[in-house]
Amino acid sequence: MIMVIKMFLNRKMNNRILSFSSVMIGSGSAANLGLAVALYRLFQSSSYAKYKYRIRFCWWGAEEIGLLGSDFYVRQARNSSTIGERLSDQLVNLNFDMLGSPNYVFGIYDGQTIGESIPSSAIPGSNKITGLFREWFNHENLPWSNSTLGTGSDYAPFLAAGIAAGGLLSGASRIKTKEECDYYASKLGSSDPYCIPTLPYDPCYHKSCDTIWNINVFAYEKMIKAAAYVIETLARIDNLTEWLYPNGQTESSNFYFKKYNII
């Protein structure tokens, strides 16, 4: 089974979790690489428990002109008969698309926002993944914000194929509001230096200033820990398929690839 991590998850020895996404050169690439290297080193440690699920890290291209990379991946999986590469081997997609935005939010994809066109089998697991992320932030007494699971990032082709999805995002070009800053200050303290209302979450989004220095280390550290908690929790579940798909895992009988939103 595979967990696919944009970074994303699939199942058993043939299942995996996977999906990372970012612009080719920028703080997103640096953050994604850092997380992947840290997790790889952790999982290779001799003292680290061995689990039956595989994690596949993915860096797909052409997300912002229509999710072309992830769309192609799901197409290939749907047509594959190779064990470990089939669509049925993909258990869950975890989408970490921007984790260290300077004027960040702790965004959690909300499974309850999944559209009606998505196969119903993907919904219970997506809601459970949302719950795991919220559980970590609540335990740490940290603020968090809901984000829509729509069609704007690389989780979309997986959801359309009936695969559960979830993840984190720290924000891009949208303007941060005073209400958001007040809420985060209520949890982090009024002296929170990272919350600047009326500015974008990432003022350098798609600009030349989006370098490896354009990372909020405080936010990045918390997002990394939240991601690690959820991945570890999923890996420890004995029957992840049953946990994610209590009513059975089914592909959409009318599966098709549509033109996704361009970001």
C-alpha atoms as a PDB file:
ATOM      1  CA  MET A   1       0.000   0.000   0.000  1.00  0.00           C
ATOM      2  CA  ILE A   2       1.278   3.483  -0.755  1.00  0.00           C
ATOM      3  CA  MET A   3       0.981   6.840   0.935  1.00  0.00           C
ATOM      4  CA  VAL A   4       1.537   9.531  -1.691  1.00  0.00           C
ATOM      5  CA  ILE A   5       3.137  12.718  -0.213  1.00  0.00           C
ATOM      6  CA  LYS A   6       2.980  16.191  -2.841  1.00  0.00           C
ATOM      7  CA  MET A   7       4.139  14.591  -0.667  1.00  0.00           C
ATOM      8  CA  PHE A   8       1.521  11.541  -0.773  1.00  0.00           C
ATOM      9  CA  LEU A   9       0.328   7.845   0.904  1.00  0.00           C
ATOM     10  CA  ASN A  10      -0.210   4.160  -0.722  1.00  0.00           C
ATOM     11  CA  ARG A  11      -0.925   0.591   0.949  1.00  0.00           C
ATOM     12  CA  LYS A  12       0.733  -2.578   2.505  1.00  0.00           C
ATOM     13  CA  MET A  13       4.219  -3.252   1.101  1.00  0.00           C
ATOM     14  CA  ASN A  14       2.673  -2.230  -2.189  1.00  0.00           C
ATOM     15  CA  ASN A  15       0.746   0.767  -0.882  1.00  0.00           C
ATOM     16  CA  ARG A  16       2.062   4.250  -0.428  1.00  0.00           C
ATOM     17  CA  ILE A  17       1.603   7.802   0.845  1.00  0.00           C
ATOM     18  CA  LEU A  18       2.874  10.745  -1.225  1.00  0.00           C
ATOM     19  CA  SER A  19       2.918  14.320  -2.674  1.00  0.00           C
ATOM     20  CA  PHE A  20       5.096  17.435  -2.519  1.00  0.00           C
ATOM     21  CA  SER A  21       4.647  20.427  -4.739  1.00  0.00           C
ATOM     22  CA  SER A  22       6.492  23.649  -5.327  1.00  0.00           C
ATOM     23  CA  VAL A  23       7.866  26.033  -7.882  1.00  0.00           C
ATOM     24  CA  MET A  24      11.151  24.747  -9.336  1.00  0.00           C
ATOM     25  CA  ILE A  25      13.391  27.271  -7.567  1.00  0.00           C
ATOM     26  CA  GLY A  26      12.202  28.967  -4.439  1.00  0.00           C
ATOM     27  CA  SER A  27      11.448  28.610  -0.765  1.00  0.00           C
ATOM     28  CA  GLY A  28       8.832  25.933  -1.511  1.00  0.00           C
ATOM     29  CA  SER A  29      11.413  23.671  -3.133  1.00  0.00           C
ATOM     30  CA  ALA A  30      13.807  24.197  -0.234  1.00  0.00           C
ATOM     31  CA  ALA A  31      11.103  23.449   2.339  1.00  0.00           C
ATOM     32  CA  ASN A  32       9.904  20.328   0.539  1.00  0.00           C
ATOM     33  CA  LEU A  33      13.410  18.976   0.111  1.00  0.00           C
ATOM     34  CA  GLY A  34      14.193  19.639   3.761  1.00  0.00           C
ATOM     35  CA  LEU A  35      11.119  17.728   4.902  1.00  0.00           C
ATOM     36  CA  ALA A  36      11.816  14.805   2.571  1.00  0.00           C
ATOM     37  CA  VAL A  37      15.462  14.523   3.672  1.00  0.00           C
ATOM     38  CA  ALA A  38      14.525  14.716   7.353  1.00  0.00           C
ATOM     39  CA  LEU A  39      11.872  12.018   6.985  1.00  0.00           C
ATOM     40  CA  TYR A  40      14.180   9.800   4.930  1.00  0.00           C
ATOM     41  CA  ARG A  41      16.903   9.982   7.577  1.00  0.00           C
ATOM     42  CA  LEU A  42      14.382   9.260  10.309  1.00  0.00           C
ATOM     43  CA  PHE A  43      12.918   6.252   8.517  1.00  0.00           C
ATOM     44  CA  GLN A  44      16.413   4.876   7.774  1.00  0.00           C
ATOM     45  CA  SER A  45      17.440   4.995  11.421  1.00  0.00           C
ATOM     46  CA  SER A  46      18.198   1.553  12.844  1.00  0.00           C
ATOM     47  CA  SER A  47      16.138   2.382  15.935  1.00  0.00           C
ATOM     48  CA  TYR A  48      13.074   3.384  13.928  1.00  0.00           C
ATOM     49  CA  ALA A  49      10.229   0.896  13.776  1.00  0.00           C
ATOM     50  CA  LYS A  50       9.506  -0.707  10.402  1.00  0.00           C
ATOM     51  CA  TYR A  51       6.001  -0.381   9.002  1.00  0.00           C
ATOM     52  CA  LYS A  52       4.213  -2.137   6.180  1.00  0.00           C
ATOM     53  CA  TYR A  53       3.301   0.996   4.237  1.00  0.00           C
ATOM     54  CA  ARG A  54       5.487   2.751   1.708  1.00  0.00           C
ATOM     55  CA  ILE A  55       5.799   6.501   1.347  1.00  0.00           C
ATOM     56  CA  ARG A  56       6.365   8.012  -2.066  1.00  0.00           C
ATOM     57  CA  PHE A  57       7.562  11.603  -2.274  1.00  0.00           C
ATOM     58  CA  CYS A  58       6.421  13.372  -5.432  1.00  0.00           C
ATOM     59  CA  TRP A  59       7.480  16.651  -6.977  1.00  0.00           C
ATOM     60  CA  TRP A  60       5.124  17.108  -9.910  1.00  0.00           C
ATOM     61  CA  GLY A  61       5.628  19.671 -12.619  1.00  0.00           C
ATOM     62  CA  ALA A  62       3.144  22.027 -14.272  1.00  0.00           C
ATOM     63  CA  GLU A  63       0.761  22.289 -11.333  1.00  0.00           C
ATOM     64  CA  GLU A  64      -0.013  25.892 -12.010  1.00  0.00           C
ATOM     65  CA  ILE A  65      -1.046  25.414 -15.608  1.00  0.00           C
ATOM     66  CA  GLY A  66      -3.562  22.694 -14.834  1.00  0.00           C
ATOM     67  CA  LEU A  67      -2.117  20.064 -12.434  1.00  0.00           C
ATOM     68  CA  LEU A  68      -0.535  18.333 -15.414  1.00  0.00           C
ATOM     69  CA  GLY A  69       2.037  16.325 -13.450  1.00  0.00           C
ATOM     70  CA  SER A  70      -0.272  14.851 -10.823  1.00  0.00           C
ATOM     71  CA  ASP A  71      -2.985  14.352 -13.423  1.00  0.00           C
ATOM     72  CA  PHE A  72      -0.529  12.332 -15.528  1.00  0.00           C
ATOM     73  CA  TYR A  73       0.530  10.303 -12.488  1.00  0.00           C
ATOM     74  CA  VAL A  74      -3.066   9.276 -11.733  1.00  0.00           C
ATOM     75  CA  ARG A  75      -3.703   8.466 -15.410  1.00  0.00           C
ATOM     76  CA  GLN A  76      -0.662   6.189 -15.453  1.00  0.00           C
ATOM     77  CA  ALA A  77      -1.679   4.506 -12.193  1.00  0.00           C
ATOM     78  CA  ARG A  78      -5.169   3.898 -13.532  1.00  0.00           C
ATOM     79  CA  ASN A  79      -3.756   2.095 -16.569  1.00  0.00           C
ATOM     80  CA  SER A  80      -1.010   0.196 -14.734  1.00  0.00           C
ATOM     81  CA  SER A  81      -1.147  -3.511 -13.937  1.00  0.00           C
ATOM     82  CA  THR A  82       2.148  -3.467 -11.994  1.00  0.00           C
ATOM     83  CA  ILE A  83       1.739  -4.227  -8.289  1.00  0.00           C
ATOM     84  CA  GLY A  84       2.572  -1.106  -6.334  1.00  0.00           C
ATOM     85  CA  GLU A  85       1.874   1.205  -9.251  1.00  0.00           C
ATOM     86  CA  ARG A  86      -1.836   0.571  -9.770  1.00  0.00           C
ATOM     87  CA  LEU A  87      -4.434   3.115  -8.770  1.00  0.00           C
ATOM     88  CA  SER A  88      -5.779   0.603  -6.267  1.00  0.00           C
ATOM     89  CA  ASP A  89      -2.371   0.624  -4.551  1.00  0.00           C
ATOM     90  CA  GLN A  90      -2.572   4.336  -3.764  1.00  0.00           C
ATOM     91  CA  LEU A  91      -4.045   4.655  -0.285  1.00  0.00           C
ATOM     92  CA  VAL A  92      -3.956   8.363   0.458  1.00  0.00           C
ATOM     93  CA  ASN A  93      -2.531  11.621  -0.830  1.00  0.00           C
ATOM     94  CA  LEU A  94      -0.997  14.100   1.605  1.00  0.00           C
ATOM     95  CA  ASN A  95      -0.551  17.481  -0.019  1.00  0.00           C
ATOM     96  CA  PHE A  96       2.003  19.865   1.533  1.00  0.00           C
ATOM     97  CA  ASP A  97       1.886  22.853  -0.749  1.00  0.00           C
ATOM     98  CA  MET A  98       3.779  25.737   0.896  1.00  0.00           C
ATOM     99  CA  LEU A  99       4.747  25.221   4.534  1.00  0.00           C
ATOM    100  CA  GLY A 100       6.794  28.269   5.518  1.00  0.00           C
ATOM    101  CA  SER A 101       5.052  31.382   4.183  1.00  0.00           C
ATOM    102  CA  PRO A 102       6.411  34.519   5.928  1.00  0.00           C
ATOM    103  CA  ASN A 103       2.966  35.890   6.886  1.00  0.00           C
ATOM    104  CA  TYR A 104       1.682  32.356   7.390  1.00  0.00           C
ATOM    105  CA  VAL A 105      -1.439  30.612   8.501  1.00  0.00           C
ATOM    106  CA  PHE A 106      -1.561  27.037   9.770  1.00  0.00           C
ATOM    107  CA  GLY A 107      -3.917  25.895   7.026  1.00  0.00           C
ATOM    108  CA  ILE A 108      -5.526  22.441   7.191  1.00  0.00           C
ATOM    109  CA  TYR A 109      -7.434  21.013   4.231  1.00  0.00           C
ATOM    110  CA  ASP A 110     -11.003  20.401   5.373  1.00  0.00           C
ATOM    111  CA  GLY A 111     -12.507  17.115   4.204  1.00  0.00           C
ATOM    112  CA  GLN A 112     -16.027  18.480   4.677  1.00  0.00           C
ATOM    113  CA  THR A 113     -15.476  20.897   1.777  1.00  0.00           C
ATOM    114  CA  ILE A 114     -15.099  18.110  -0.803  1.00  0.00           C
ATOM    115  CA  GLY A 115     -17.472  18.638  -3.734  1.00  0.00           C
ATOM    116  CA  GLU A 116     -20.385  16.416  -4.659  1.00  0.00           C
ATOM    117  CA  SER A 117     -18.658  15.161  -7.814  1.00  0.00           C
ATOM    118  CA  ILE A 118     -16.001  13.338  -5.771  1.00  0.00           C
ATOM    119  CA  PRO A 119     -16.589   9.594  -5.179  1.00  0.00           C
ATOM    120  CA  SER A 120     -18.118   9.150  -1.733  1.00  0.00           C
ATOM    121  CA  SER A 121     -15.537   6.514  -0.782  1.00  0.00           C
ATOM    122  CA  ALA A 122     -12.854   9.235  -0.545  1.00  0.00           C
ATOM    123  CA  ILE A 123     -14.757  11.324   1.999  1.00  0.00           C
ATOM    124  CA  PRO A 124     -14.510   9.355   5.311  1.00  0.00           C
ATOM    125  CA  GLY A 125     -10.733   9.019   5.076  1.00  0.00           C
ATOM    126  CA  SER A 126     -10.286  12.653   4.043  1.00  0.00           C
ATOM    127  CA  ASN A 127     -12.294  13.748   7.078  1.00  0.00           C
ATOM    128  CA  LYS A 128     -10.202  11.536   9.344  1.00  0.00           C
ATOM    129  CA  ILE A 129      -6.979  13.021   7.977  1.00  0.00           C
ATOM    130  CA  THR A 130      -8.357  16.514   8.639  1.00  0.00           C
ATOM    131  CA  GLY A 131      -9.096  15.392  12.194  1.00  0.00           C
ATOM    132  CA  LEU A 132      -5.548  14.136  12.752  1.00  0.00           C
ATOM    133  CA  PHE A 133      -4.022  17.471  11.734  1.00  0.00           C
ATOM    134  CA  ARG A 134      -6.448  19.389  13.941  1.00  0.00           C
ATOM    135  CA  GLU A 135      -5.668  17.006  16.786  1.00  0.00           C
ATOM    136  CA  TRP A 136      -1.968  17.899  16.648  1.00  0.00           C
ATOM    137  CA  PHE A 137      -2.500  21.676  16.519  1.00  0.00           C
ATOM    138  CA  ASN A 138      -5.064  21.526  19.321  1.00  0.00           C
ATOM    139  CA  HIS A 139      -2.726  19.433  21.470  1.00  0.00           C
ATOM    140  CA  GLU A 140       0.022  22.016  20.944  1.00  0.00           C
ATOM    141  CA  ASN A 141      -2.441  24.840  21.706  1.00  0.00           C
ATOM    142  CA  LEU A 142      -1.746  26.375  18.308  1.00  0.00           C
ATOM    143  CA  PRO A 143      -4.199  28.155  16.019  1.00  0.00           C
ATOM    144  CA  TRP A 144      -5.251  26.617  12.722  1.00  0.00           C
ATOM    145  CA  SER A 145      -7.373  27.623   9.748  1.00  0.00           C
ATOM    146  CA  ASN A 146      -9.598  25.612   7.429  1.00  0.00           C
ATOM    147  CA  SER A 147      -8.767  25.388   3.741  1.00  0.00           C
ATOM    148  CA  THR A 148     -10.976  24.083   0.949  1.00  0.00           C
ATOM    149  CA  LEU A 149     -10.309  20.772  -0.762  1.00  0.00           C
ATOM    150  CA  GLY A 150     -11.353  21.981  -4.193  1.00  0.00           C
ATOM    151  CA  THR A 151      -9.551  21.644  -7.521  1.00  0.00           C
ATOM    152  CA  GLY A 152      -6.627  24.013  -7.052  1.00  0.00           C
ATOM    153  CA  SER A 153      -3.752  21.716  -6.076  1.00  0.00           C
ATOM    154  CA  ASP A 154      -2.288  18.299  -6.806  1.00  0.00           C
ATOM    155  CA  TYR A 155      -4.624  16.414  -4.485  1.00  0.00           C
ATOM    156  CA  ALA A 156      -7.494  17.037  -6.952  1.00  0.00           C
ATOM    157  CA  PRO A 157      -6.798  14.187  -9.421  1.00  0.00           C
ATOM    158  CA  PHE A 158      -6.523  11.757  -6.493  1.00  0.00           C
ATOM    159  CA  LEU A 159      -9.827  12.830  -4.988  1.00  0.00           C
ATOM    160  CA  ALA A 160     -11.454  12.589  -8.418  1.00  0.00           C
ATOM    161  CA  ALA A 161     -10.209   8.995  -8.588  1.00  0.00           C
ATOM    162  CA  GLY A 162     -11.717   8.164  -5.182  1.00  0.00           C
ATOM    163  CA  ILE A 163      -8.503   8.390  -3.135  1.00  0.00           C
ATOM    164  CA  ALA A 164      -8.597  10.069   0.289  1.00  0.00           C
ATOM    165  CA  ALA A 165      -6.578  13.268   0.626  1.00  0.00           C
ATOM    166  CA  GLY A 166      -5.550  15.908   3.109  1.00  0.00           C
ATOM    167  CA  GLY A 167      -2.643  18.128   4.003  1.00  0.00           C
ATOM    168  CA  LEU A 168      -1.339  21.511   5.049  1.00  0.00           C
ATOM    169  CA  LEU A 169      -0.663  24.882   3.482  1.00  0.00           C
ATOM    170  CA  SER A 170       0.708  28.121   4.909  1.00  0.00           C
ATOM    171  CA  GLY A 171      -0.793  30.507   2.355  1.00  0.00           C
ATOM    172  CA  ALA A 172       0.133  32.152  -0.926  1.00  0.00           C
ATOM    173  CA  SER A 173      -1.101  35.380  -2.478  1.00  0.00           C
ATOM    174  CA  ARG A 174      -4.317  35.888  -0.522  1.00  0.00           C
ATOM    175  CA  ILE A 175      -4.390  38.856   1.853  1.00  0.00           C
ATOM    176  CA  LYS A 176      -4.250  38.107   5.562  1.00  0.00           C
ATOM    177  CA  THR A 177      -7.025  39.788   7.524  1.00  0.00           C
ATOM    178  CA  LYS A 178      -7.004  41.546  10.868  1.00  0.00           C
ATOM    179  CA  GLU A 179      -9.487  38.954  12.129  1.00  0.00           C
ATOM    180  CA  GLU A 180      -6.990  36.210  11.339  1.00  0.00           C
ATOM    181  CA  CYS A 181      -4.215  38.096  13.117  1.00  0.00           C
ATOM    182  CA  ASP A 182      -6.438  38.606  16.174  1.00  0.00           C
ATOM    183  CA  TYR A 183      -7.281  34.902  16.265  1.00  0.00           C
ATOM    184  CA  TYR A 184      -3.639  33.836  15.965  1.00  0.00           C
ATOM    185  CA  ALA A 185      -2.622  36.382  18.609  1.00  0.00           C
ATOM    186  CA  SER A 186      -5.199  34.863  20.984  1.00  0.00           C
ATOM    187  CA  LYS A 187      -3.253  31.604  20.791  1.00  0.00           C
ATOM    188  CA  LEU A 188       0.314  32.796  20.243  1.00  0.00           C
ATOM    189  CA  GLY A 189       0.272  36.011  22.259  1.00  0.00           C
ATOM    190  CA  SER A 190      -0.255  39.625  21.312  1.00  0.00           C
ATOM    191  CA  SER A 191       3.432  40.048  20.524  1.00  0.00           C
ATOM    192  CA  ASP A 192       3.269  37.599  17.602  1.00  0.00           C
ATOM    193  CA  PRO A 193       5.701  39.256  15.150  1.00  0.00           C
ATOM    194  CA  TYR A 194       4.673  37.196  12.143  1.00  0.00           C
ATOM    195  CA  CYS A 195       1.113  38.370  11.645  1.00  0.00           C
ATOM    196  CA  ILE A 196       0.783  41.414   9.397  1.00  0.00           C
ATOM    197  CA  PRO A 197      -2.786  42.228   8.314  1.00  0.00           C
ATOM    198  CA  THR A 198      -3.524  43.584   4.822  1.00  0.00           C
ATOM    199  CA  LEU A 199      -0.411  41.873   3.403  1.00  0.00           C
ATOM    200  CA  PRO A 200      -0.345  38.539   1.498  1.00  0.00           C
ATOM    201  CA  TYR A 201       0.545  35.357   3.323  1.00  0.00           C
ATOM    202  CA  ASP A 202       3.585  35.268   1.054  1.00  0.00           C
ATOM    203  CA  PRO A 203       4.462  38.691  -0.396  1.00  0.00           C
ATOM    204  CA  CYS A 204       7.117  37.018  -2.569  1.00  0.00           C
ATOM    205  CA  TYR A 205       4.772  34.430  -4.096  1.00  0.00           C
ATOM    206  CA  HIS A 206       5.880  33.906  -7.722  1.00  0.00           C
ATOM    207  CA  LYS A 207       8.432  36.684  -7.455  1.00  0.00           C
ATOM    208  CA  SER A 208      12.209  36.781  -7.641  1.00  0.00           C
ATOM    209  CA  CYS A 209      12.398  37.427  -3.889  1.00  0.00           C
ATOM    210  CA  ASP A 210      11.026  33.916  -3.219  1.00  0.00           C
ATOM    211  CA  THR A 211      14.382  32.465  -2.214  1.00  0.00           C
ATOM    212  CA  ILE A 212      15.464  30.086   0.531  1.00  0.00           C
ATOM    213  CA  TRP A 213      15.497  33.121   2.836  1.00  0.00           C
ATOM    214  CA  ASN A 214      11.767  33.632   2.276  1.00  0.00           C
ATOM    215  CA  ILE A 215      10.774  31.090   4.940  1.00  0.00           C
ATOM    216  CA  ASN A 216       9.165  31.651   8.312  1.00  0.00           C
ATOM    217  CA  VAL A 217      11.191  29.203  10.396  1.00  0.00           C
ATOM    218  CA  PHE A 218       8.717  29.214  13.293  1.00  0.00           C
ATOM    219  CA  ALA A 219       5.799  28.279  11.041  1.00  0.00           C
ATOM    220  CA  TYR A 220       7.861  25.786   9.053  1.00  0.00           C
ATOM    221  CA  GLU A 221       8.928  23.939  12.187  1.00  0.00           C
ATOM    222  CA  LYS A 222       5.332  23.591  13.393  1.00  0.00           C
ATOM    223  CA  MET A 223       4.106  22.429   9.983  1.00  0.00           C
ATOM    224  CA  ILE A 224       6.894  19.846   9.778  1.00  0.00           C
ATOM    225  CA  LYS A 225       5.985  18.468  13.188  1.00  0.00           C
ATOM    226  CA  ALA A 226       2.302  18.307  12.271  1.00  0.00           C
ATOM    227  CA  ALA A 227       3.138  16.497   9.025  1.00  0.00           C
ATOM    228  CA  ALA A 228       5.383  14.022  10.850  1.00  0.00           C
ATOM    229  CA  TYR A 229       2.666  13.338  13.441  1.00  0.00           C
ATOM    230  CA  VAL A 230       0.057  12.502  10.821  1.00  0.00           C
ATOM    231  CA  ILE A 231       2.410  10.361   8.720  1.00  0.00           C
ATOM    232  CA  GLU A 232       3.548   8.452  11.815  1.00  0.00           C
ATOM    233  CA  THR A 233      -0.029   7.972  13.007  1.00  0.00           C
ATOM    234  CA  LEU A 234      -1.157   6.634   9.639  1.00  0.00           C
ATOM    235  CA  ALA A 235       1.864   4.334   9.444  1.00  0.00           C
ATOM    236  CA  ARG A 236       0.986   2.786  12.808  1.00  0.00           C
ATOM    237  CA  ILE A 237      -2.580   1.888  11.819  1.00  0.00           C
ATOM    238  CA  ASP A 238      -2.718  -1.874  11.309  1.00  0.00           C
ATOM    239  CA  ASN A 239      -5.400  -1.855   8.621  1.00  0.00           C
ATOM    240  CA  LEU A 240      -5.111   1.560   7.022  1.00  0.00           C
ATOM    241  CA  THR A 241      -7.332   0.591   4.110  1.00  0.00           C
ATOM    242  CA  GLU A 242     -10.243  -0.221   6.399  1.00  0.00           C
ATOM    243  CA  TRP A 243      -9.612   2.901   8.491  1.00  0.00           C
ATOM    244  CA  LEU A 244      -9.635   5.195   5.458  1.00  0.00           C
ATOM    245  CA  TYR A 245     -12.357   3.361   3.524  1.00  0.00           C
ATOM    246  CA  PRO A 246     -14.850   1.876   6.028  1.00  0.00           C
ATOM    247  CA  ASN A 247     -17.395   1.414   3.225  1.00  0.00           C
ATOM    248  CA  GLY A 248     -14.859  -0.015   0.804  1.00  0.00           C
ATOM    249  CA  GLN A 249     -12.440   1.643  -1.606  1.00  0.00           C
ATOM    250  CA  THR A 250     -13.985   2.133  -5.018  1.00  0.00           C
ATOM    251  CA  GLU A 251     -12.880   4.004  -8.105  1.00  0.00           C
ATOM    252  CA  SER A 252     -15.326   6.347  -9.735  1.00  0.00           C
ATOM    253  CA  SER A 253     -17.161   4.376 -12.419  1.00  0.00           C
ATOM    254  CA  ASN A 254     -17.447   7.578 -14.405  1.00  0.00           C
ATOM    255  CA  PHE A 255     -13.861   8.603 -13.791  1.00  0.00           C
ATOM    256  CA  TYR A 256     -12.623  11.320 -16.044  1.00  0.00           C
ATOM    257  CA  PHE A 257      -9.933  13.942 -16.049  1.00  0.00           C
ATOM    258  CA  LYS A 258     -11.248  17.448 -16.275  1.00  0.00           C
ATOM    259  CA  LYS A 259      -9.470  20.728 -16.738  1.00  0.00           C
ATOM    260  CA  TYR A 260      -8.539  21.776 -13.223  1.00  0.00           C
ATOM    261  CA  ASN A 261      -8.348  25.333 -12.020  1.00  0.00           C
ATOM    262  CA  ILE A 262      -5.173  27.159 -12.956  1.00  0.00           C
ATOM    263  CA  ILE A 263      -3.581  28.753  -9.921  1.00  0.00           C
END
